[in-house]
Amino acid sequence: MTKTLEKALPPVNAAFSSQRKKQTVQKITRHWQYYLLVALPLLYVLIFKYLPMFGVLIAFKEYNVVQGILNSPWAGFKYFEQLFQAPFFWQYLRNTLEISLYGLLVNFPLPIILALALNEIRNGLFKKSVQMVTYAPYFISTVVIVSILIVNLSPNVGLVSNIFRALGMEPVDFLGKSELFKTIYVFSDAWQYTGYSAIIYIAALSGVNQELYEAAKVDGATRWQKIINIDIPSLVPIIVILLILNLGNTMSVGFEKIYLMQNPLNQNTSEVISTYVYKVGLLGANFSFSAAIGLFNSAVNFVLLIFVNFISRKITSNSLW
């Protein structure tokens, strides 16, 4: 009897598998528009994110443009050794970490505070006006933002310098002082991105069950108590996820803005790994060395992402995976 069942099972399994395949094809054919929409971003990720990973080999080779990646001779860990032995490397690494962590400390809580404040505003016109004013800087290009900073902080014709003169004070060359570079960079980012970054928190607050607010009102809770006991707990999962993603990008400080704000006077604090990769790799044509720096940068980000996600899952039970 058992042998008879075993002989009968393979055709049944084959028929079941064939039926599932047929159903899958029918679903794809019926909803081909949705699959087409998914295919476009998927192709983008594959072409521009995964295929370029092949270029990582350059970091381990004596890369020559004429010979190509595959035919260039192997160099092993030569360029990584040069990187860690270089005296400037630790300075640039420290600058990168300081700017990134300073920015995280200042710019991460600001969108949360703005979202909580906007959620408490009942005047619709005022609320929309504040949203428009805070969102607008996000849509200004980085080049224009830096131009605004350079003009307004200029010691000769800048608005800030004119205010200092009107108050009887000496004008200050803000972008010429290396100790002020990180602060200018971080707070200009706060002005540009706080409003836009608050959107996701505002959306989360709009989904909070209104019965919780009604129950809190019946219990006589103040606004602060509502924020602490209802709003903030509702935002915790999103806060944790975004914090993990931000910490996973610790080494990826914005290249364009820093490069545009650099000058010989502030370079000792403004030179970060991303700007150095550009100067060494493209301007200096030392592709293997710059690829080694970039790979180290990505590896640190990857390790940080895994580590922070693990800690978050253990402490808060919220994580990316």
C-alpha atoms as a PDB file:
ATOM      1  CA  MET A   1       0.000   0.000   0.000  1.00  0.00           C
ATOM      2  CA  THR A   2       2.825   2.381   0.926  1.00  0.00           C
ATOM      3  CA  LYS A   3       4.665   1.673  -2.302  1.00  0.00           C
ATOM      4  CA  THR A   4       1.496   2.369  -4.277  1.00  0.00           C
ATOM      5  CA  LEU A   5       1.103   5.792  -2.574  1.00  0.00           C
ATOM      6  CA  GLU A   6       4.761   6.647  -3.196  1.00  0.00           C
ATOM      7  CA  LYS A   7       4.338   5.871  -6.887  1.00  0.00           C
ATOM      8  CA  ALA A   8       1.215   8.021  -7.039  1.00  0.00           C
ATOM      9  CA  LEU A   9       2.723  11.072  -5.271  1.00  0.00           C
ATOM     10  CA  PRO A  10       5.179  12.307  -7.962  1.00  0.00           C
ATOM     11  CA  PRO A  11       2.493  12.862 -10.630  1.00  0.00           C
ATOM     12  CA  VAL A  12       0.315  14.646  -8.048  1.00  0.00           C
ATOM     13  CA  ASN A  13       3.179  16.932  -6.991  1.00  0.00           C
ATOM     14  CA  ALA A  14       4.079  17.630 -10.610  1.00  0.00           C
ATOM     15  CA  ALA A  15       0.481  18.491 -11.437  1.00  0.00           C
ATOM     16  CA  PHE A  16       0.230  20.772  -8.373  1.00  0.00           C
ATOM     17  CA  SER A  17       3.482  22.539  -9.292  1.00  0.00           C
ATOM     18  CA  SER A  18       2.333  22.982 -12.890  1.00  0.00           C
ATOM     19  CA  GLN A  19      -0.960  24.459 -11.680  1.00  0.00           C
ATOM     20  CA  ARG A  20       0.822  26.943  -9.409  1.00  0.00           C
ATOM     21  CA  LYS A  21       3.084  28.061 -12.239  1.00  0.00           C
ATOM     22  CA  LYS A  22       0.056  28.538 -14.475  1.00  0.00           C
ATOM     23  CA  GLN A  23      -1.677  30.637 -11.788  1.00  0.00           C
ATOM     24  CA  THR A  24       1.449  32.752 -11.317  1.00  0.00           C
ATOM     25  CA  VAL A  25       1.686  33.441 -15.042  1.00  0.00           C
ATOM     26  CA  GLN A  26      -2.004  34.364 -15.111  1.00  0.00           C
ATOM     27  CA  LYS A  27      -1.546  36.798 -12.213  1.00  0.00           C
ATOM     28  CA  ILE A  28       1.431  38.469 -13.894  1.00  0.00           C
ATOM     29  CA  THR A  29      -0.463  38.689 -17.189  1.00  0.00           C
ATOM     30  CA  ARG A  30      -3.543  40.134 -15.482  1.00  0.00           C
ATOM     31  CA  HIS A  31      -1.606  42.737 -13.468  1.00  0.00           C
ATOM     32  CA  TRP A  32       1.298  43.404 -15.819  1.00  0.00           C
ATOM     33  CA  GLN A  33       1.093  47.184 -15.214  1.00  0.00           C
ATOM     34  CA  TYR A  34       1.991  46.756 -11.533  1.00  0.00           C
ATOM     35  CA  TYR A  35       4.880  44.449 -12.340  1.00  0.00           C
ATOM     36  CA  LEU A  36       6.135  46.973 -14.878  1.00  0.00           C
ATOM     37  CA  LEU A  37       6.119  49.698 -12.218  1.00  0.00           C
ATOM     38  CA  VAL A  38       8.092  47.440  -9.880  1.00  0.00           C
ATOM     39  CA  ALA A  39      10.514  46.450 -12.659  1.00  0.00           C
ATOM     40  CA  LEU A  40      11.683  50.036 -13.281  1.00  0.00           C
ATOM     41  CA  PRO A  41      13.071  50.744  -9.772  1.00  0.00           C
ATOM     42  CA  LEU A  42      14.366  47.165  -9.619  1.00  0.00           C
ATOM     43  CA  LEU A  43      16.346  47.705 -12.823  1.00  0.00           C
ATOM     44  CA  TYR A  44      17.632  51.008 -11.440  1.00  0.00           C
ATOM     45  CA  VAL A  45      18.927  49.281  -8.293  1.00  0.00           C
ATOM     46  CA  LEU A  46      20.522  46.448 -10.268  1.00  0.00           C
ATOM     47  CA  ILE A  47      22.189  48.692 -12.859  1.00  0.00           C
ATOM     48  CA  PHE A  48      23.347  51.566 -10.657  1.00  0.00           C
ATOM     49  CA  LYS A  49      23.807  49.863  -7.266  1.00  0.00           C
ATOM     50  CA  TYR A  50      24.775  46.230  -7.789  1.00  0.00           C
ATOM     51  CA  LEU A  51      26.614  46.161 -11.116  1.00  0.00           C
ATOM     52  CA  PRO A  52      29.086  48.891 -10.018  1.00  0.00           C
ATOM     53  CA  MET A  53      30.149  46.599  -7.147  1.00  0.00           C
ATOM     54  CA  PHE A  54      32.298  44.847  -9.717  1.00  0.00           C
ATOM     55  CA  GLY A  55      34.558  47.895  -9.558  1.00  0.00           C
ATOM     56  CA  VAL A  56      35.523  46.979  -5.980  1.00  0.00           C
ATOM     57  CA  LEU A  57      38.243  44.835  -7.565  1.00  0.00           C
ATOM     58  CA  ILE A  58      40.130  48.040  -8.381  1.00  0.00           C
ATOM     59  CA  ALA A  59      40.990  48.404  -4.680  1.00  0.00           C
ATOM     60  CA  PHE A  60      42.962  45.145  -4.847  1.00  0.00           C
ATOM     61  CA  LYS A  61      44.707  45.776  -8.180  1.00  0.00           C
ATOM     62  CA  GLU A  62      47.322  48.012  -9.772  1.00  0.00           C
ATOM     63  CA  TYR A  63      44.589  49.436 -11.932  1.00  0.00           C
ATOM     64  CA  ASN A  64      45.526  50.610 -15.391  1.00  0.00           C
ATOM     65  CA  VAL A  65      42.918  52.192 -17.664  1.00  0.00           C
ATOM     66  CA  VAL A  66      44.431  50.599 -20.768  1.00  0.00           C
ATOM     67  CA  GLN A  67      44.543  47.074 -19.298  1.00  0.00           C
ATOM     68  CA  GLY A  68      41.131  47.289 -17.676  1.00  0.00           C
ATOM     69  CA  ILE A  69      39.944  45.890 -14.367  1.00  0.00           C
ATOM     70  CA  LEU A  70      40.371  42.187 -15.125  1.00  0.00           C
ATOM     71  CA  ASN A  71      43.769  42.418 -16.824  1.00  0.00           C
ATOM     72  CA  SER A  72      45.395  44.771 -14.322  1.00  0.00           C
ATOM     73  CA  PRO A  73      47.911  43.040 -11.991  1.00  0.00           C
ATOM     74  CA  TRP A  74      46.897  42.186  -8.422  1.00  0.00           C
ATOM     75  CA  ALA A  75      48.161  44.432  -5.630  1.00  0.00           C
ATOM     76  CA  GLY A  76      46.577  42.633  -2.673  1.00  0.00           C
ATOM     77  CA  PHE A  77      46.121  44.861   0.393  1.00  0.00           C
ATOM     78  CA  LYS A  78      48.832  47.300  -0.664  1.00  0.00           C
ATOM     79  CA  TYR A  79      46.535  50.334  -0.865  1.00  0.00           C
ATOM     80  CA  PHE A  80      44.763  49.512   2.392  1.00  0.00           C
ATOM     81  CA  GLU A  81      48.152  49.438   4.123  1.00  0.00           C
ATOM     82  CA  GLN A  82      48.990  52.812   2.575  1.00  0.00           C
ATOM     83  CA  LEU A  83      45.660  54.144   3.780  1.00  0.00           C
ATOM     84  CA  PHE A  84      46.105  53.110   7.414  1.00  0.00           C
ATOM     85  CA  GLN A  85      49.742  54.238   7.493  1.00  0.00           C
ATOM     86  CA  ALA A  86      49.005  57.668   6.024  1.00  0.00           C
ATOM     87  CA  PRO A  87      49.195  60.402   8.705  1.00  0.00           C
ATOM     88  CA  PHE A  88      46.308  62.369   7.183  1.00  0.00           C
ATOM     89  CA  PHE A  89      43.894  59.413   7.218  1.00  0.00           C
ATOM     90  CA  TRP A  90      43.085  59.582  10.940  1.00  0.00           C
ATOM     91  CA  GLN A  91      42.496  63.339  10.738  1.00  0.00           C
ATOM     92  CA  TYR A  92      40.043  62.930   7.847  1.00  0.00           C
ATOM     93  CA  LEU A  93      38.350  60.029   9.609  1.00  0.00           C
ATOM     94  CA  ARG A  94      37.945  62.121  12.756  1.00  0.00           C
ATOM     95  CA  ASN A  95      36.524  65.029  10.739  1.00  0.00           C
ATOM     96  CA  THR A  96      34.041  62.687   9.072  1.00  0.00           C
ATOM     97  CA  LEU A  97      32.880  61.181  12.364  1.00  0.00           C
ATOM     98  CA  GLU A  98      32.669  64.543  14.141  1.00  0.00           C
ATOM     99  CA  ILE A  99      30.583  66.176  11.404  1.00  0.00           C
ATOM    100  CA  SER A 100      28.326  63.126  11.066  1.00  0.00           C
ATOM    101  CA  LEU A 101      27.696  62.645  14.792  1.00  0.00           C
ATOM    102  CA  TYR A 102      27.331  66.398  15.383  1.00  0.00           C
ATOM    103  CA  GLY A 103      24.759  66.505  12.591  1.00  0.00           C
ATOM    104  CA  LEU A 104      22.927  63.489  14.014  1.00  0.00           C
ATOM    105  CA  LEU A 105      22.849  65.014  17.501  1.00  0.00           C
ATOM    106  CA  VAL A 106      21.390  68.299  16.225  1.00  0.00           C
ATOM    107  CA  ASN A 107      19.343  67.349  13.174  1.00  0.00           C
ATOM    108  CA  PHE A 108      17.768  64.068  14.267  1.00  0.00           C
ATOM    109  CA  PRO A 109      15.562  65.410  17.114  1.00  0.00           C
ATOM    110  CA  LEU A 110      14.574  68.661  15.339  1.00  0.00           C
ATOM    111  CA  PRO A 111      12.082  67.076  12.864  1.00  0.00           C
ATOM    112  CA  ILE A 112      10.486  65.173  15.764  1.00  0.00           C
ATOM    113  CA  ILE A 113      10.077  68.382  17.778  1.00  0.00           C
ATOM    114  CA  LEU A 114       8.667  70.211  14.734  1.00  0.00           C
ATOM    115  CA  ALA A 115       6.186  67.402  14.016  1.00  0.00           C
ATOM    116  CA  LEU A 116       4.999  67.354  17.640  1.00  0.00           C
ATOM    117  CA  ALA A 117       4.603  71.143  17.615  1.00  0.00           C
ATOM    118  CA  LEU A 118       2.676  71.156  14.330  1.00  0.00           C
ATOM    119  CA  ASN A 119       0.434  68.387  15.627  1.00  0.00           C
ATOM    120  CA  GLU A 120      -0.629  70.649  18.485  1.00  0.00           C
ATOM    121  CA  ILE A 121      -1.490  73.623  16.266  1.00  0.00           C
ATOM    122  CA  ARG A 122      -5.230  73.991  15.691  1.00  0.00           C
ATOM    123  CA  ASN A 123      -5.145  77.083  13.457  1.00  0.00           C
ATOM    124  CA  GLY A 124      -5.166  75.574   9.949  1.00  0.00           C
ATOM    125  CA  LEU A 125      -3.841  78.646   8.122  1.00  0.00           C
ATOM    126  CA  PHE A 126      -0.948  79.164  10.539  1.00  0.00           C
ATOM    127  CA  LYS A 127      -0.101  75.442  10.458  1.00  0.00           C
ATOM    128  CA  LYS A 128       0.024  75.375   6.646  1.00  0.00           C
ATOM    129  CA  SER A 129       2.123  78.563   6.586  1.00  0.00           C
ATOM    130  CA  VAL A 130       4.678  77.073   8.979  1.00  0.00           C
ATOM    131  CA  GLN A 131       4.809  73.866   6.941  1.00  0.00           C
ATOM    132  CA  MET A 132       5.359  75.776   3.704  1.00  0.00           C
ATOM    133  CA  VAL A 133       8.133  77.918   5.205  1.00  0.00           C
ATOM    134  CA  THR A 134       9.945  74.947   6.739  1.00  0.00           C
ATOM    135  CA  TYR A 135       9.561  72.682   3.670  1.00  0.00           C
ATOM    136  CA  ALA A 136      10.721  75.262   1.119  1.00  0.00           C
ATOM    137  CA  PRO A 137      14.502  75.162   1.816  1.00  0.00           C
ATOM    138  CA  TYR A 138      14.615  71.439   0.979  1.00  0.00           C
ATOM    139  CA  PHE A 139      13.831  72.213  -2.667  1.00  0.00           C
ATOM    140  CA  ILE A 140      16.726  74.658  -3.001  1.00  0.00           C
ATOM    141  CA  SER A 141      19.759  73.083  -4.669  1.00  0.00           C
ATOM    142  CA  THR A 142      22.954  72.547  -2.683  1.00  0.00           C
ATOM    143  CA  VAL A 143      24.856  74.981  -4.909  1.00  0.00           C
ATOM    144  CA  VAL A 144      22.348  77.746  -4.179  1.00  0.00           C
ATOM    145  CA  ILE A 145      22.377  76.962  -0.438  1.00  0.00           C
ATOM    146  CA  VAL A 146      26.167  77.260  -0.312  1.00  0.00           C
ATOM    147  CA  SER A 147      26.034  80.468  -2.380  1.00  0.00           C
ATOM    148  CA  ILE A 148      23.584  81.938   0.139  1.00  0.00           C
ATOM    149  CA  LEU A 149      25.910  80.958   2.991  1.00  0.00           C
ATOM    150  CA  ILE A 150      28.990  82.429   1.307  1.00  0.00           C
ATOM    151  CA  VAL A 151      27.276  85.728   0.486  1.00  0.00           C
ATOM    152  CA  ASN A 152      25.586  86.208   3.866  1.00  0.00           C
ATOM    153  CA  LEU A 153      28.665  85.178   5.892  1.00  0.00           C
ATOM    154  CA  SER A 154      31.108  87.212   3.835  1.00  0.00           C
ATOM    155  CA  PRO A 155      33.189  89.549   6.057  1.00  0.00           C
ATOM    156  CA  ASN A 156      32.910  92.352   3.487  1.00  0.00           C
ATOM    157  CA  VAL A 157      29.366  92.429   2.108  1.00  0.00           C
ATOM    158  CA  GLY A 158      27.576  89.757   4.141  1.00  0.00           C
ATOM    159  CA  LEU A 159      24.344  90.429   6.006  1.00  0.00           C
ATOM    160  CA  VAL A 160      25.765  89.088   9.259  1.00  0.00           C
ATOM    161  CA  SER A 161      28.863  91.283   8.973  1.00  0.00           C
ATOM    162  CA  ASN A 162      26.686  94.355   8.327  1.00  0.00           C
ATOM    163  CA  ILE A 163      24.682  93.568  11.467  1.00  0.00           C
ATOM    164  CA  PHE A 164      27.936  93.257  13.425  1.00  0.00           C
ATOM    165  CA  ARG A 165      29.112  96.644  12.101  1.00  0.00           C
ATOM    166  CA  ALA A 166      25.773  98.235  13.023  1.00  0.00           C
ATOM    167  CA  LEU A 167      26.253  96.937  16.567  1.00  0.00           C
ATOM    168  CA  GLY A 168      29.802  98.326  16.697  1.00  0.00           C
ATOM    169  CA  MET A 169      31.448  94.914  16.423  1.00  0.00           C
ATOM    170  CA  GLU A 170      34.170  93.685  14.105  1.00  0.00           C
ATOM    171  CA  PRO A 171      32.984  91.465  11.192  1.00  0.00           C
ATOM    172  CA  VAL A 172      33.981  87.811  11.299  1.00  0.00           C
ATOM    173  CA  ASP A 173      35.102  85.639   8.392  1.00  0.00           C
ATOM    174  CA  PHE A 174      32.961  82.663   9.423  1.00  0.00           C
ATOM    175  CA  LEU A 175      33.968  80.341   6.587  1.00  0.00           C
ATOM    176  CA  GLY A 176      37.596  81.297   7.123  1.00  0.00           C
ATOM    177  CA  LYS A 177      37.600  80.003  10.697  1.00  0.00           C
ATOM    178  CA  SER A 178      38.150  76.253  10.784  1.00  0.00           C
ATOM    179  CA  GLU A 179      36.624  75.908  14.259  1.00  0.00           C
ATOM    180  CA  LEU A 180      33.288  77.260  12.968  1.00  0.00           C
ATOM    181  CA  PHE A 181      33.017  75.066   9.865  1.00  0.00           C
ATOM    182  CA  LYS A 182      31.254  72.094  11.487  1.00  0.00           C
ATOM    183  CA  THR A 183      28.693  74.298  13.221  1.00  0.00           C
ATOM    184  CA  ILE A 184      27.891  76.217  10.025  1.00  0.00           C
ATOM    185  CA  TYR A 185      27.559  72.982   8.073  1.00  0.00           C
ATOM    186  CA  VAL A 186      25.303  71.267  10.629  1.00  0.00           C
ATOM    187  CA  PHE A 187      22.957  74.189  11.298  1.00  0.00           C
ATOM    188  CA  SER A 188      22.597  75.033   7.614  1.00  0.00           C
ATOM    189  CA  ASP A 189      21.561  71.389   7.170  1.00  0.00           C
ATOM    190  CA  ALA A 190      19.047  71.856   9.970  1.00  0.00           C
ATOM    191  CA  TRP A 191      17.533  74.850   8.163  1.00  0.00           C
ATOM    192  CA  GLN A 192      17.392  72.967   4.865  1.00  0.00           C
ATOM    193  CA  TYR A 193      16.140  69.522   5.920  1.00  0.00           C
ATOM    194  CA  THR A 194      14.177  69.817   9.183  1.00  0.00           C
ATOM    195  CA  GLY A 195      10.841  70.671   7.572  1.00  0.00           C
ATOM    196  CA  TYR A 196      10.992  67.949   4.957  1.00  0.00           C
ATOM    197  CA  SER A 197      12.242  65.326   7.413  1.00  0.00           C
ATOM    198  CA  ALA A 198       9.289  66.060   9.698  1.00  0.00           C
ATOM    199  CA  ILE A 199       6.789  64.824   7.069  1.00  0.00           C
ATOM    200  CA  ILE A 200       7.145  61.163   8.027  1.00  0.00           C
ATOM    201  CA  TYR A 201       6.571  61.967  11.717  1.00  0.00           C
ATOM    202  CA  ILE A 202       3.538  64.135  10.913  1.00  0.00           C
ATOM    203  CA  ALA A 203       2.113  61.263   8.864  1.00  0.00           C
ATOM    204  CA  ALA A 204       2.653  58.863  11.782  1.00  0.00           C
ATOM    205  CA  LEU A 205       0.930  61.243  14.212  1.00  0.00           C
ATOM    206  CA  SER A 206      -2.047  61.599  11.886  1.00  0.00           C
ATOM    207  CA  GLY A 207      -2.585  57.846  12.196  1.00  0.00           C
ATOM    208  CA  VAL A 208      -2.827  57.827  15.996  1.00  0.00           C
ATOM    209  CA  ASN A 209      -6.170  56.549  17.267  1.00  0.00           C
ATOM    210  CA  GLN A 210      -8.258  59.599  18.211  1.00  0.00           C
ATOM    211  CA  GLU A 211      -9.930  57.637  20.994  1.00  0.00           C
ATOM    212  CA  LEU A 212      -6.649  57.818  22.904  1.00  0.00           C
ATOM    213  CA  TYR A 213      -6.795  61.631  22.856  1.00  0.00           C
ATOM    214  CA  GLU A 214     -10.444  61.580  23.917  1.00  0.00           C
ATOM    215  CA  ALA A 215      -9.680  59.237  26.804  1.00  0.00           C
ATOM    216  CA  ALA A 216      -6.753  61.438  27.871  1.00  0.00           C
ATOM    217  CA  LYS A 217      -9.010  64.510  27.739  1.00  0.00           C
ATOM    218  CA  VAL A 218     -11.598  62.784  29.935  1.00  0.00           C
ATOM    219  CA  ASP A 219      -8.847  61.893  32.422  1.00  0.00           C
ATOM    220  CA  GLY A 220      -7.770  65.539  32.533  1.00  0.00           C
ATOM    221  CA  ALA A 221      -4.384  65.076  30.862  1.00  0.00           C
ATOM    222  CA  THR A 222      -2.480  68.209  29.902  1.00  0.00           C
ATOM    223  CA  ARG A 223      -0.913  68.746  26.461  1.00  0.00           C
ATOM    224  CA  TRP A 224       2.493  67.738  27.770  1.00  0.00           C
ATOM    225  CA  GLN A 225       1.064  64.538  29.205  1.00  0.00           C
ATOM    226  CA  LYS A 226      -0.620  63.741  25.862  1.00  0.00           C
ATOM    227  CA  ILE A 227       2.662  64.272  24.031  1.00  0.00           C
ATOM    228  CA  ILE A 228       4.663  62.151  26.463  1.00  0.00           C
ATOM    229  CA  ASN A 229       2.151  59.314  26.862  1.00  0.00           C
ATOM    230  CA  ILE A 230       0.503  59.161  23.413  1.00  0.00           C
ATOM    231  CA  ASP A 231       2.468  60.983  20.700  1.00  0.00           C
ATOM    232  CA  ILE A 232       6.023  59.972  21.527  1.00  0.00           C
ATOM    233  CA  PRO A 233       5.222  56.249  22.072  1.00  0.00           C
ATOM    234  CA  SER A 234       3.450  56.288  18.694  1.00  0.00           C
ATOM    235  CA  LEU A 235       6.599  57.657  17.044  1.00  0.00           C
ATOM    236  CA  VAL A 236       9.062  55.283  18.730  1.00  0.00           C
ATOM    237  CA  PRO A 237       9.049  52.582  15.986  1.00  0.00           C
ATOM    238  CA  ILE A 238       9.717  55.155  13.239  1.00  0.00           C
ATOM    239  CA  ILE A 239      12.313  56.963  15.358  1.00  0.00           C
ATOM    240  CA  VAL A 240      14.201  53.704  15.921  1.00  0.00           C
ATOM    241  CA  ILE A 241      14.163  52.740  12.223  1.00  0.00           C
ATOM    242  CA  LEU A 242      15.354  56.174  11.071  1.00  0.00           C
ATOM    243  CA  LEU A 243      18.011  56.277  13.791  1.00  0.00           C
ATOM    244  CA  ILE A 244      19.371  52.914  12.600  1.00  0.00           C
ATOM    245  CA  LEU A 245      19.481  54.148   8.993  1.00  0.00           C
ATOM    246  CA  ASN A 246      21.181  57.400  10.005  1.00  0.00           C
ATOM    247  CA  LEU A 247      23.812  55.625  12.083  1.00  0.00           C
ATOM    248  CA  GLY A 248      24.354  53.251   9.161  1.00  0.00           C
ATOM    249  CA  ASN A 249      25.318  56.282   7.063  1.00  0.00           C
ATOM    250  CA  THR A 250      27.709  57.742   9.624  1.00  0.00           C
ATOM    251  CA  MET A 251      30.649  57.708   7.205  1.00  0.00           C
ATOM    252  CA  SER A 252      28.648  59.076   4.279  1.00  0.00           C
ATOM    253  CA  VAL A 253      28.812  62.808   4.961  1.00  0.00           C
ATOM    254  CA  GLY A 254      27.414  64.892   2.110  1.00  0.00           C
ATOM    255  CA  PHE A 255      30.206  65.423  -0.414  1.00  0.00           C
ATOM    256  CA  GLU A 256      28.801  68.260  -2.528  1.00  0.00           C
ATOM    257  CA  LYS A 257      28.085  70.726   0.239  1.00  0.00           C
ATOM    258  CA  ILE A 258      31.338  70.178   2.097  1.00  0.00           C
ATOM    259  CA  TYR A 259      33.370  70.438  -1.101  1.00  0.00           C
ATOM    260  CA  LEU A 260      31.663  73.699  -2.071  1.00  0.00           C
ATOM    261  CA  MET A 261      32.173  75.183   1.404  1.00  0.00           C
ATOM    262  CA  GLN A 262      35.855  74.271   1.561  1.00  0.00           C
ATOM    263  CA  ASN A 263      38.631  76.812   1.304  1.00  0.00           C
ATOM    264  CA  PRO A 264      42.335  76.759   2.299  1.00  0.00           C
ATOM    265  CA  LEU A 265      41.536  78.389   5.662  1.00  0.00           C
ATOM    266  CA  ASN A 266      39.101  75.738   6.911  1.00  0.00           C
ATOM    267  CA  GLN A 267      40.479  72.666   5.158  1.00  0.00           C
ATOM    268  CA  ASN A 268      41.968  71.097   8.278  1.00  0.00           C
ATOM    269  CA  THR A 269      38.451  70.566   9.687  1.00  0.00           C
ATOM    270  CA  SER A 270      36.428  70.370   6.452  1.00  0.00           C
ATOM    271  CA  GLU A 271      38.409  67.661   4.643  1.00  0.00           C
ATOM    272  CA  VAL A 272      36.469  64.411   5.001  1.00  0.00           C
ATOM    273  CA  ILE A 273      36.860  60.977   3.450  1.00  0.00           C
ATOM    274  CA  SER A 274      34.405  61.599   0.600  1.00  0.00           C
ATOM    275  CA  THR A 275      36.131  64.809  -0.535  1.00  0.00           C
ATOM    276  CA  TYR A 276      39.536  63.164  -0.266  1.00  0.00           C
ATOM    277  CA  VAL A 277      38.367  60.243  -2.424  1.00  0.00           C
ATOM    278  CA  TYR A 278      37.294  62.729  -5.089  1.00  0.00           C
ATOM    279  CA  LYS A 279      40.594  64.581  -5.026  1.00  0.00           C
ATOM    280  CA  VAL A 280      42.745  61.449  -5.032  1.00  0.00           C
ATOM    281  CA  GLY A 281      40.631  59.357  -7.395  1.00  0.00           C
ATOM    282  CA  LEU A 282      39.405  61.794 -10.041  1.00  0.00           C
ATOM    283  CA  LEU A 283      41.734  64.760  -9.779  1.00  0.00           C
ATOM    284  CA  GLY A 284      44.834  62.719  -8.909  1.00  0.00           C
ATOM    285  CA  ALA A 285      43.900  59.716 -11.091  1.00  0.00           C
ATOM    286  CA  ASN A 286      44.940  57.309  -8.303  1.00  0.00           C
ATOM    287  CA  PHE A 287      41.962  55.033  -8.829  1.00  0.00           C
ATOM    288  CA  SER A 288      43.130  52.023  -6.819  1.00  0.00           C
ATOM    289  CA  PHE A 289      43.915  54.063  -3.714  1.00  0.00           C
ATOM    290  CA  SER A 290      40.611  55.965  -3.880  1.00  0.00           C
ATOM    291  CA  ALA A 291      38.721  52.677  -4.393  1.00  0.00           C
ATOM    292  CA  ALA A 292      40.382  51.292  -1.246  1.00  0.00           C
ATOM    293  CA  ILE A 293      39.252  54.360   0.714  1.00  0.00           C
ATOM    294  CA  GLY A 294      35.715  54.062  -0.636  1.00  0.00           C
ATOM    295  CA  LEU A 295      35.551  50.343   0.184  1.00  0.00           C
ATOM    296  CA  PHE A 296      36.747  50.997   3.737  1.00  0.00           C
ATOM    297  CA  ASN A 297      34.079  53.696   4.051  1.00  0.00           C
ATOM    298  CA  SER A 298      31.314  51.336   2.898  1.00  0.00           C
ATOM    299  CA  ALA A 299      32.547  48.502   5.112  1.00  0.00           C
ATOM    300  CA  VAL A 300      32.406  50.706   8.226  1.00  0.00           C
ATOM    301  CA  ASN A 301      28.861  51.823   7.337  1.00  0.00           C
ATOM    302  CA  PHE A 302      27.812  48.199   6.841  1.00  0.00           C
ATOM    303  CA  VAL A 303      29.248  47.095  10.184  1.00  0.00           C
ATOM    304  CA  LEU A 304      27.608  50.026  11.969  1.00  0.00           C
ATOM    305  CA  LEU A 305      24.245  49.230  10.386  1.00  0.00           C
ATOM    306  CA  ILE A 306      24.395  45.576  11.462  1.00  0.00           C
ATOM    307  CA  PHE A 307      25.587  46.450  14.969  1.00  0.00           C
ATOM    308  CA  VAL A 308      23.027  49.202  15.635  1.00  0.00           C
ATOM    309  CA  ASN A 309      20.218  47.058  14.231  1.00  0.00           C
ATOM    310  CA  PHE A 310      21.243  44.193  16.551  1.00  0.00           C
ATOM    311  CA  ILE A 311      21.378  46.463  19.618  1.00  0.00           C
ATOM    312  CA  SER A 312      18.008  48.023  18.734  1.00  0.00           C
ATOM    313  CA  ARG A 313      16.368  44.620  18.344  1.00  0.00           C
ATOM    314  CA  LYS A 314      17.680  43.524  21.745  1.00  0.00           C
ATOM    315  CA  ILE A 315      16.690  46.724  23.593  1.00  0.00           C
ATOM    316  CA  THR A 316      13.472  47.946  21.911  1.00  0.00           C
ATOM    317  CA  SER A 317      12.357  44.936  19.782  1.00  0.00           C
ATOM    318  CA  ASN A 318      12.202  47.377  16.837  1.00  0.00           C
ATOM    319  CA  SER A 319      14.641  46.829  13.967  1.00  0.00           C
ATOM    320  CA  LEU A 320      15.019  46.783  10.202  1.00  0.00           C
ATOM    321  CA  TRP A 321      14.985  42.972  10.152  1.00  0.00           C
END
